[in-house]
PDB file of all heavy atoms in Angstrom:
ATOM      1  N   THR A   1     293.604  19.355 131.988  1.00  0.00           N
ATOM      2  CA  THR A   1     294.649  19.226 131.063  1.00  0.00           C
ATOM      3  C   THR A   1     294.165  19.487 129.617  1.00  0.00           C
ATOM      4  O   THR A   1     292.931  19.467 129.364  1.00  0.00           O
ATOM      5  CB  THR A   1     295.318  17.827 131.068  1.00  0.00           C
ATOM      6  OG1 THR A   1     294.307  16.856 130.583  1.00  0.00           O
ATOM      7  CG2 THR A   1     295.726  17.421 132.509  1.00  0.00           C
ATOM      8  N   ARG A   2     295.101  19.681 128.664  1.00  0.00           N
ATOM      9  CA  ARG A   2     294.752  19.919 127.302  1.00  0.00           C
ATOM     10  C   ARG A   2     293.975  18.698 126.798  1.00  0.00           C
ATOM     11  O   ARG A   2     293.046  18.865 125.994  1.00  0.00           O
ATOM     12  CB  ARG A   2     296.034  20.129 126.491  1.00  0.00           C
ATOM     13  CG  ARG A   2     296.730  21.485 126.682  1.00  0.00           C
ATOM     14  CD  ARG A   2     298.000  21.506 125.918  1.00  0.00           C
ATOM     15  NE  ARG A   2     297.674  21.427 124.465  1.00  0.00           N
ATOM     16  CZ  ARG A   2     297.580  22.488 123.669  1.00  0.00           C
ATOM     17  NH1 ARG A   2     297.691  23.687 124.172  1.00  0.00           N
ATOM     18  NH2 ARG A   2     297.299  22.315 122.390  1.00  0.00           N
ATOM     19  N   PHE A   3     294.452  17.514 127.109  1.00  0.00           N
ATOM     20  CA  PHE A   3     293.789  16.304 126.593  1.00  0.00           C
ATOM     21  C   PHE A   3     292.289  16.188 127.101  1.00  0.00           C
ATOM     22  O   PHE A   3     291.493  15.963 126.185  1.00  0.00           O
ATOM     23  CB  PHE A   3     294.491  15.067 127.067  1.00  0.00           C
ATOM     24  CG  PHE A   3     293.854  13.812 126.642  1.00  0.00           C
ATOM     25  CD1 PHE A   3     294.004  13.344 125.347  1.00  0.00           C
ATOM     26  CD2 PHE A   3     292.955  13.084 127.493  1.00  0.00           C
ATOM     27  CE1 PHE A   3     293.366  12.174 124.897  1.00  0.00           C
ATOM     28  CE2 PHE A   3     292.297  11.955 127.006  1.00  0.00           C
ATOM     29  CZ  PHE A   3     292.487  11.524 125.755  1.00  0.00           C
ATOM     30  N   VAL A   4     292.005  16.468 128.288  1.00  0.00           N
ATOM     31  CA  VAL A   4     290.627  16.411 128.775  1.00  0.00           C
ATOM     32  C   VAL A   4     289.832  17.448 128.102  1.00  0.00           C
ATOM     33  O   VAL A   4     288.651  17.256 127.647  1.00  0.00           O
ATOM     34  CB  VAL A   4     290.613  16.558 130.315  1.00  0.00           C
ATOM     35  CG1 VAL A   4     289.155  16.632 130.793  1.00  0.00           C
ATOM     36  CG2 VAL A   4     291.326  15.390 130.971  1.00  0.00           C
ATOM     37  N   ALA A   5     290.292  18.672 128.077  1.00  0.00           N
ATOM     38  CA  ALA A   5     289.577  19.792 127.393  1.00  0.00           C
ATOM     39  C   ALA A   5     289.299  19.509 125.950  1.00  0.00           C
ATOM     40  O   ALA A   5     288.164  19.775 125.469  1.00  0.00           O
ATOM     41  CB  ALA A   5     290.372  21.094 127.512  1.00  0.00           C
ATOM     42  N   ASP A   6     290.204  18.852 125.244  1.00  0.00           N
ATOM     43  CA  ASP A   6     290.030  18.614 123.824  1.00  0.00           C
ATOM     44  C   ASP A   6     289.197  17.366 123.550  1.00  0.00           C
ATOM     45  O   ASP A   6     288.480  17.288 122.570  1.00  0.00           O
ATOM     46  CB  ASP A   6     291.429  18.438 123.208  1.00  0.00           C
ATOM     47  CG  ASP A   6     291.441  18.538 121.678  1.00  0.00           C
ATOM     48  OD1 ASP A   6     290.621  19.354 121.141  1.00  0.00           O
ATOM     49  OD2 ASP A   6     292.159  17.843 121.022  1.00  0.00           O
ATOM     50  N   PHE A   7     289.306  16.316 124.425  1.00  0.00           N
ATOM     51  CA  PHE A   7     288.673  15.027 124.170  1.00  0.00           C
ATOM     52  C   PHE A   7     287.211  15.077 124.648  1.00  0.00           C
ATOM     53  O   PHE A   7     286.397  14.430 124.000  1.00  0.00           O
ATOM     54  CB  PHE A   7     289.417  13.909 124.863  1.00  0.00           C
ATOM     55  CG  PHE A   7     288.891  12.543 124.585  1.00  0.00           C
ATOM     56  CD1 PHE A   7     289.132  11.922 123.372  1.00  0.00           C
ATOM     57  CD2 PHE A   7     288.115  11.875 125.508  1.00  0.00           C
ATOM     58  CE1 PHE A   7     288.626  10.671 123.061  1.00  0.00           C
ATOM     59  CE2 PHE A   7     287.599  10.612 125.285  1.00  0.00           C
ATOM     60  CZ  PHE A   7     287.827   9.995 124.037  1.00  0.00           C
ATOM     61  N   VAL A   8     286.971  15.742 125.763  1.00  0.00           N
ATOM     62  CA  VAL A   8     285.626  15.705 126.326  1.00  0.00           C
ATOM     63  C   VAL A   8     284.942  16.985 125.937  1.00  0.00           C
ATOM     64  O   VAL A   8     285.266  18.052 126.369  1.00  0.00           O
ATOM     65  CB  VAL A   8     285.637  15.592 127.879  1.00  0.00           C
ATOM     66  CG1 VAL A   8     284.241  15.557 128.413  1.00  0.00           C
ATOM     67  CG2 VAL A   8     286.385  14.304 128.290  1.00  0.00           C
ATOM     68  N   GLY A   9     283.860  16.871 125.100  1.00  0.00           N
ATOM     69  CA  GLY A   9     283.210  18.055 124.611  1.00  0.00           C
ATOM     70  C   GLY A   9     283.951  18.809 123.525  1.00  0.00           C
ATOM     71  O   GLY A   9     284.967  18.277 123.048  1.00  0.00           O
ATOM     72  N   SER A  10     283.497  20.030 123.253  1.00  0.00           N
ATOM     73  CA  SER A  10     284.140  20.809 122.193  1.00  0.00           C
ATOM     74  C   SER A  10     284.678  22.054 122.868  1.00  0.00           C
ATOM     75  O   SER A  10     283.927  22.843 123.508  1.00  0.00           O
ATOM     76  CB  SER A  10     283.156  21.135 121.118  1.00  0.00           C
ATOM     77  OG  SER A  10     283.744  21.970 120.174  1.00  0.00           O
ATOM     78  N   ALA A  11     286.009  22.298 122.738  1.00  0.00           N
ATOM     79  CA  ALA A  11     286.656  23.461 123.413  1.00  0.00           C
ATOM     80  C   ALA A  11     287.637  24.140 122.503  1.00  0.00           C
ATOM     81  O   ALA A  11     288.191  23.510 121.604  1.00  0.00           O
ATOM     82  CB  ALA A  11     287.316  23.002 124.716  1.00  0.00           C
ATOM     83  N   ASN A  12     287.733  25.428 122.658  1.00  0.00           N
ATOM     84  CA  ASN A  12     288.826  26.211 122.027  1.00  0.00           C
ATOM     85  C   ASN A  12     290.070  26.192 122.957  1.00  0.00           C
ATOM     86  O   ASN A  12     289.864  26.519 124.208  1.00  0.00           O
ATOM     87  CB  ASN A  12     288.361  27.649 121.806  1.00  0.00           C
ATOM     88  CG  ASN A  12     287.201  27.677 120.774  1.00  0.00           C
ATOM     89  OD1 ASN A  12     287.427  27.593 119.547  1.00  0.00           O
ATOM     90  ND2 ASN A  12     286.043  27.861 121.222  1.00  0.00           N
ATOM     91  N   LEU A  13     291.181  25.915 122.489  1.00  0.00           N
ATOM     92  CA  LEU A  13     292.418  25.966 123.259  1.00  0.00           C
ATOM     93  C   LEU A  13     293.218  27.192 122.826  1.00  0.00           C
ATOM     94  O   LEU A  13     293.606  27.350 121.633  1.00  0.00           O
ATOM     95  CB  LEU A  13     293.281  24.689 123.075  1.00  0.00           C
ATOM     96  CG  LEU A  13     292.616  23.376 123.418  1.00  0.00           C
ATOM     97  CD1 LEU A  13     293.493  22.215 123.183  1.00  0.00           C
ATOM     98  CD2 LEU A  13     292.142  23.406 124.888  1.00  0.00           C
ATOM     99  N   ILE A  14     293.390  28.158 123.759  1.00  0.00           N
ATOM    100  CA  ILE A  14     293.981  29.448 123.440  1.00  0.00           C
ATOM    101  C   ILE A  14     295.391  29.525 124.083  1.00  0.00           C
ATOM    102  O   ILE A  14     295.509  29.421 125.361  1.00  0.00           O
ATOM    103  CB  ILE A  14     293.098  30.590 123.909  1.00  0.00           C
ATOM    104  CG1 ILE A  14     291.663  30.424 123.332  1.00  0.00           C
ATOM    105  CG2 ILE A  14     293.676  31.941 123.530  1.00  0.00           C
ATOM    106  CD1 ILE A  14     290.646  31.352 123.944  1.00  0.00           C
ATOM    107  N   ALA A  15     296.395  29.689 123.295  1.00  0.00           N
ATOM    108  CA  ALA A  15     297.748  29.769 123.787  1.00  0.00           C
ATOM    109  C   ALA A  15     298.108  31.146 124.252  1.00  0.00           C
ATOM    110  O   ALA A  15     297.545  32.135 123.860  1.00  0.00           O
ATOM    111  CB  ALA A  15     298.734  29.374 122.682  1.00  0.00           C
ATOM    112  N   GLY A  16     299.027  31.239 125.273  1.00  0.00           N
ATOM    113  CA  GLY A  16     299.452  32.468 125.817  1.00  0.00           C
ATOM    114  C   GLY A  16     300.280  32.332 127.054  1.00  0.00           C
ATOM    115  O   GLY A  16     300.983  31.281 127.195  1.00  0.00           O
ATOM    116  N   ARG A  17     300.175  33.264 127.920  1.00  0.00           N
ATOM    117  CA  ARG A  17     300.930  33.186 129.247  1.00  0.00           C
ATOM    118  C   ARG A  17     300.187  33.883 130.319  1.00  0.00           C
ATOM    119  O   ARG A  17     299.389  34.784 130.120  1.00  0.00           O
ATOM    120  CB  ARG A  17     302.272  33.833 129.083  1.00  0.00           C
ATOM    121  CG  ARG A  17     302.306  35.309 128.775  1.00  0.00           C
ATOM    122  CD  ARG A  17     303.672  35.938 128.602  1.00  0.00           C
ATOM    123  NE  ARG A  17     303.564  37.374 128.536  1.00  0.00           N
ATOM    124  CZ  ARG A  17     303.561  38.202 129.575  1.00  0.00           C
ATOM    125  NH1 ARG A  17     303.634  37.742 130.833  1.00  0.00           N
ATOM    126  NH2 ARG A  17     303.488  39.521 129.406  1.00  0.00           N
ATOM    127  N   ILE A  18     300.497  33.495 131.558  1.00  0.00           N
ATOM    128  CA  ILE A  18     299.930  34.180 132.737  1.00  0.00           C
ATOM    129  C   ILE A  18     300.556  35.505 132.852  1.00  0.00           C
ATOM    130  O   ILE A  18     301.783  35.730 132.756  1.00  0.00           O
ATOM    131  CB  ILE A  18     300.156  33.318 134.032  1.00  0.00           C
ATOM    132  CG1 ILE A  18     299.368  32.020 133.941  1.00  0.00           C
ATOM    133  CG2 ILE A  18     299.718  34.085 135.266  1.00  0.00           C
ATOM    134  CD1 ILE A  18     299.660  31.101 135.123  1.00  0.00           C
ATOM    135  N   ALA A  19     299.725  36.558 132.967  1.00  0.00           N
ATOM    136  CA  ALA A  19     300.151  37.938 133.109  1.00  0.00           C
ATOM    137  C   ALA A  19     299.909  38.554 134.352  1.00  0.00           C
ATOM    138  O   ALA A  19     300.167  39.800 134.605  1.00  0.00           O
ATOM    139  CB  ALA A  19     299.538  38.792 131.984  1.00  0.00           C
ATOM    140  N   GLY A  20     299.501  37.784 135.385  1.00  0.00           N
ATOM    141  CA  GLY A  20     299.265  38.313 136.750  1.00  0.00           C
ATOM    142  C   GLY A  20     297.897  37.892 137.230  1.00  0.00           C
ATOM    143  O   GLY A  20     297.168  37.161 136.601  1.00  0.00           O
ATOM    144  N   SER A  21     297.611  38.313 138.447  1.00  0.00           N
ATOM    145  CA  SER A  21     296.299  37.995 139.059  1.00  0.00           C
ATOM    146  C   SER A  21     295.322  39.098 138.839  1.00  0.00           C
ATOM    147  O   SER A  21     295.692  40.304 138.671  1.00  0.00           O
ATOM    148  CB  SER A  21     296.450  37.726 140.546  1.00  0.00           C
ATOM    149  OG  SER A  21     296.950  38.942 141.203  1.00  0.00           O
ATOM    150  N   ALA A  22     294.064  38.726 138.796  1.00  0.00           N
ATOM    151  CA  ALA A  22     292.970  39.714 138.656  1.00  0.00           C
ATOM    152  C   ALA A  22     292.664  40.399 139.985  1.00  0.00           C
ATOM    153  O   ALA A  22     293.387  40.130 140.964  1.00  0.00           O
ATOM    154  CB  ALA A  22     291.707  39.100 138.010  1.00  0.00           C
ATOM    155  N   ASP A  23     291.685  41.253 140.050  1.00  0.00           N
ATOM    156  CA  ASP A  23     291.484  42.094 141.209  1.00  0.00           C
ATOM    157  C   ASP A  23     290.796  41.375 142.369  1.00  0.00           C
ATOM    158  O   ASP A  23     289.669  41.492 142.589  1.00  0.00           O
ATOM    159  CB  ASP A  23     290.573  43.318 140.816  1.00  0.00           C
ATOM    160  CG  ASP A  23     291.301  44.231 139.787  1.00  0.00           C
ATOM    161  OD1 ASP A  23     292.495  44.232 139.769  1.00  0.00           O
ATOM    162  OD2 ASP A  23     290.509  44.840 139.001  1.00  0.00           O
ATOM    163  N   GLY A  24     291.588  40.514 143.057  1.00  0.00           N
ATOM    164  CA  GLY A  24     291.170  39.907 144.299  1.00  0.00           C
ATOM    165  C   GLY A  24     289.939  38.979 144.201  1.00  0.00           C
ATOM    166  O   GLY A  24     289.384  38.592 145.215  1.00  0.00           O
ATOM    167  N   ASN A  25     289.638  38.471 142.976  1.00  0.00           N
ATOM    168  CA  ASN A  25     288.494  37.575 142.839  1.00  0.00           C
ATOM    169  C   ASN A  25     288.927  36.146 142.612  1.00  0.00           C
ATOM    170  O   ASN A  25     288.101  35.269 142.217  1.00  0.00           O
ATOM    171  CB  ASN A  25     287.563  38.055 141.715  1.00  0.00           C
ATOM    172  CG  ASN A  25     288.340  38.243 140.372  1.00  0.00           C
ATOM    173  OD1 ASN A  25     289.462  37.755 140.289  1.00  0.00           O
ATOM    174  ND2 ASN A  25     287.721  38.925 139.432  1.00  0.00           N
ATOM    175  N   GLY A  26     290.209  35.869 142.743  1.00  0.00           N
ATOM    176  CA  GLY A  26     290.700  34.500 142.487  1.00  0.00           C
ATOM    177  C   GLY A  26     290.987  34.257 141.046  1.00  0.00           C
ATOM    178  O   GLY A  26     291.515  33.129 140.714  1.00  0.00           O
ATOM    179  N   HIS A  27     290.676  35.095 140.115  1.00  0.00           N
ATOM    180  CA  HIS A  27     290.949  34.928 138.705  1.00  0.00           C
ATOM    181  C   HIS A  27     292.330  35.359 138.352  1.00  0.00           C
ATOM    182  O   HIS A  27     293.000  36.093 139.155  1.00  0.00           O
ATOM    183  CB  HIS A  27     289.958  35.648 137.852  1.00  0.00           C
ATOM    184  CG  HIS A  27     288.528  35.179 138.022  1.00  0.00           C
ATOM    185  ND1 HIS A  27     287.452  35.868 137.583  1.00  0.00           N
ATOM    186  CD2 HIS A  27     288.032  34.042 138.532  1.00  0.00           C
ATOM    187  CE1 HIS A  27     286.358  35.146 137.879  1.00  0.00           C
ATOM    188  NE2 HIS A  27     286.690  34.027 138.373  1.00  0.00           N
ATOM    189  N   ILE A  28     292.814  34.962 137.195  1.00  0.00           N
ATOM    190  CA  ILE A  28     294.168  35.360 136.747  1.00  0.00           C
ATOM    191  C   ILE A  28     294.012  36.174 135.395  1.00  0.00           C
ATOM    192  O   ILE A  28     293.028  35.985 134.732  1.00  0.00           O
ATOM    193  CB  ILE A  28     295.082  34.157 136.574  1.00  0.00           C
ATOM    194  CG1 ILE A  28     294.564  33.112 135.572  1.00  0.00           C
ATOM    195  CG2 ILE A  28     295.430  33.538 137.936  1.00  0.00           C
ATOM    196  CD1 ILE A  28     295.133  33.168 134.275  1.00  0.00           C
ATOM    197  N   ARG A  29     294.981  36.913 135.139  1.00  0.00           N
ATOM    198  CA  ARG A  29     295.057  37.661 133.867  1.00  0.00           C
ATOM    199  C   ARG A  29     295.881  36.752 132.949  1.00  0.00           C
ATOM    200  O   ARG A  29     296.983  36.289 133.284  1.00  0.00           O
ATOM    201  CB  ARG A  29     295.580  39.049 134.009  1.00  0.00           C
ATOM    202  CG  ARG A  29     294.690  39.972 134.832  1.00  0.00           C
ATOM    203  CD  ARG A  29     295.395  41.269 135.161  1.00  0.00           C
ATOM    204  NE  ARG A  29     295.501  42.139 133.989  1.00  0.00           N
ATOM    205  CZ  ARG A  29     296.644  42.562 133.500  1.00  0.00           C
ATOM    206  NH1 ARG A  29     297.813  42.205 134.108  1.00  0.00           N
ATOM    207  NH2 ARG A  29     296.697  43.329 132.458  1.00  0.00           N
ATOM    208  N   PHE A  30     295.419  36.609 131.727  1.00  0.00           N
ATOM    209  CA  PHE A  30     296.120  35.734 130.758  1.00  0.00           C
ATOM    210  C   PHE A  30     296.243  36.468 129.457  1.00  0.00           C
ATOM    211  O   PHE A  30     295.248  36.954 128.866  1.00  0.00           O
ATOM    212  CB  PHE A  30     295.248  34.421 130.538  1.00  0.00           C
ATOM    213  CG  PHE A  30     295.931  33.410 129.674  1.00  0.00           C
ATOM    214  CD1 PHE A  30     296.839  32.495 130.242  1.00  0.00           C
ATOM    215  CD2 PHE A  30     295.666  33.351 128.324  1.00  0.00           C
ATOM    216  CE1 PHE A  30     297.433  31.500 129.436  1.00  0.00           C
ATOM    217  CE2 PHE A  30     296.270  32.368 127.524  1.00  0.00           C
ATOM    218  CZ  PHE A  30     297.179  31.413 128.114  1.00  0.00           C
ATOM    219  N   GLU A  31     297.464  36.620 129.005  1.00  0.00           N
ATOM    220  CA  GLU A  31     297.721  37.336 127.776  1.00  0.00           C
ATOM    221  C   GLU A  31     297.861  36.296 126.563  1.00  0.00           C
ATOM    222  O   GLU A  31     298.746  35.426 126.580  1.00  0.00           O
ATOM    223  CB  GLU A  31     299.061  38.113 127.795  1.00  0.00           C
ATOM    224  CG  GLU A  31     299.318  38.889 126.511  1.00  0.00           C
ATOM    225  CD  GLU A  31     300.612  39.754 126.623  1.00  0.00           C
ATOM    226  OE1 GLU A  31     301.337  39.600 127.675  1.00  0.00           O
ATOM    227  OE2 GLU A  31     300.941  40.431 125.688  1.00  0.00           O
ATOM    228  N   SER A  32     296.865  36.299 125.657  1.00  0.00           N
ATOM    229  CA  SER A  32     296.834  35.353 124.601  1.00  0.00           C
ATOM    230  C   SER A  32     297.768  35.796 123.527  1.00  0.00           C
ATOM    231  O   SER A  32     298.266  36.982 123.454  1.00  0.00           O
ATOM    232  CB  SER A  32     295.434  35.212 124.090  1.00  0.00           C
ATOM    233  OG  SER A  32     295.044  36.461 123.468  1.00  0.00           O
ATOM    234  N   ALA A  33     298.039  34.902 122.598  1.00  0.00           N
ATOM    235  CA  ALA A  33     298.787  35.151 121.404  1.00  0.00           C
ATOM    236  C   ALA A  33     298.077  36.264 120.647  1.00  0.00           C
ATOM    237  O   ALA A  33     296.916  36.250 120.520  1.00  0.00           O
ATOM    238  CB  ALA A  33     298.947  33.932 120.541  1.00  0.00           C
ATOM    239  N   GLY A  34     298.815  37.252 120.178  1.00  0.00           N
ATOM    240  CA  GLY A  34     298.163  38.389 119.560  1.00  0.00           C
ATOM    241  C   GLY A  34     298.003  39.529 120.538  1.00  0.00           C
ATOM    242  O   GLY A  34     297.478  40.649 120.129  1.00  0.00           O
ATOM    243  N   GLY A  35     298.307  39.333 121.803  1.00  0.00           N
ATOM    244  CA  GLY A  35     298.273  40.384 122.809  1.00  0.00           C
ATOM    245  C   GLY A  35     296.969  40.656 123.471  1.00  0.00           C
ATOM    246  O   GLY A  35     296.838  41.514 124.352  1.00  0.00           O
ATOM    247  N   LEU A  36     295.882  39.819 123.132  1.00  0.00           N
ATOM    248  CA  LEU A  36     294.592  40.072 123.786  1.00  0.00           C
ATOM    249  C   LEU A  36     294.640  39.605 125.221  1.00  0.00           C
ATOM    250  O   LEU A  36     295.089  38.490 125.548  1.00  0.00           O
ATOM    251  CB  LEU A  36     293.506  39.325 123.074  1.00  0.00           C
ATOM    252  CG  LEU A  36     292.095  39.413 123.615  1.00  0.00           C
ATOM    253  CD1 LEU A  36     291.522  40.845 123.463  1.00  0.00           C
ATOM    254  CD2 LEU A  36     291.148  38.429 122.904  1.00  0.00           C
ATOM    255  N   MET A  37     294.211  40.469 126.137  1.00  0.00           N
ATOM    256  CA  MET A  37     294.248  40.170 127.609  1.00  0.00           C
ATOM    257  C   MET A  37     292.902  39.613 128.019  1.00  0.00           C
ATOM    258  O   MET A  37     291.837  40.130 127.730  1.00  0.00           O
ATOM    259  CB  MET A  37     294.541  41.466 128.450  1.00  0.00           C
ATOM    260  CG  MET A  37     294.991  41.168 129.789  1.00  0.00           C
ATOM    261  SD  MET A  37     296.572  40.330 129.889  1.00  0.00           S
ATOM    262  CE  MET A  37     297.624  41.671 129.332  1.00  0.00           C
ATOM    263  N   LEU A  38     292.940  38.388 128.631  1.00  0.00           N
ATOM    264  CA  LEU A  38     291.703  37.711 129.073  1.00  0.00           C
ATOM    265  C   LEU A  38     291.802  37.527 130.582  1.00  0.00           C
ATOM    266  O   LEU A  38     292.810  37.482 131.194  1.00  0.00           O
ATOM    267  CB  LEU A  38     291.627  36.294 128.398  1.00  0.00           C
ATOM    268  CG  LEU A  38     291.605  36.220 126.857  1.00  0.00           C
ATOM    269  CD1 LEU A  38     291.718  34.803 126.355  1.00  0.00           C
ATOM    270  CD2 LEU A  38     290.328  36.874 126.355  1.00  0.00           C
ATOM    271  N   GLU A  39     290.552  37.297 131.120  1.00  0.00           N
ATOM    272  CA  GLU A  39     290.498  37.009 132.502  1.00  0.00           C
ATOM    273  C   GLU A  39     290.054  35.514 132.591  1.00  0.00           C
ATOM    274  O   GLU A  39     289.100  35.080 132.007  1.00  0.00           O
ATOM    275  CB  GLU A  39     289.459  37.835 133.236  1.00  0.00           C
ATOM    276  CG  GLU A  39     289.426  37.739 134.746  1.00  0.00           C
ATOM    277  CD  GLU A  39     288.508  38.760 135.393  1.00  0.00           C
ATOM    278  OE1 GLU A  39     288.201  39.776 134.731  1.00  0.00           O
ATOM    279  OE2 GLU A  39     288.090  38.490 136.507  1.00  0.00           O
ATOM    280  N   ALA A  40     290.726  34.722 133.411  1.00  0.00           N
ATOM    281  CA  ALA A  40     290.475  33.304 133.470  1.00  0.00           C
ATOM    282  C   ALA A  40     290.469  32.774 134.900  1.00  0.00           C
ATOM    283  O   ALA A  40     290.875  33.465 135.743  1.00  0.00           O
ATOM    284  CB  ALA A  40     291.645  32.504 132.644  1.00  0.00           C
TER     285      ALA A  40
END
């Protein structure tokens, strides 16, 4: 959750939306604010 990520250790929270699944590796594609596409 956001709380665990933020409270335990130091983390960057990046907003966006799920944009689909990655190429069969169990990862997802995530489109961040600003349009940058990430693999998560």
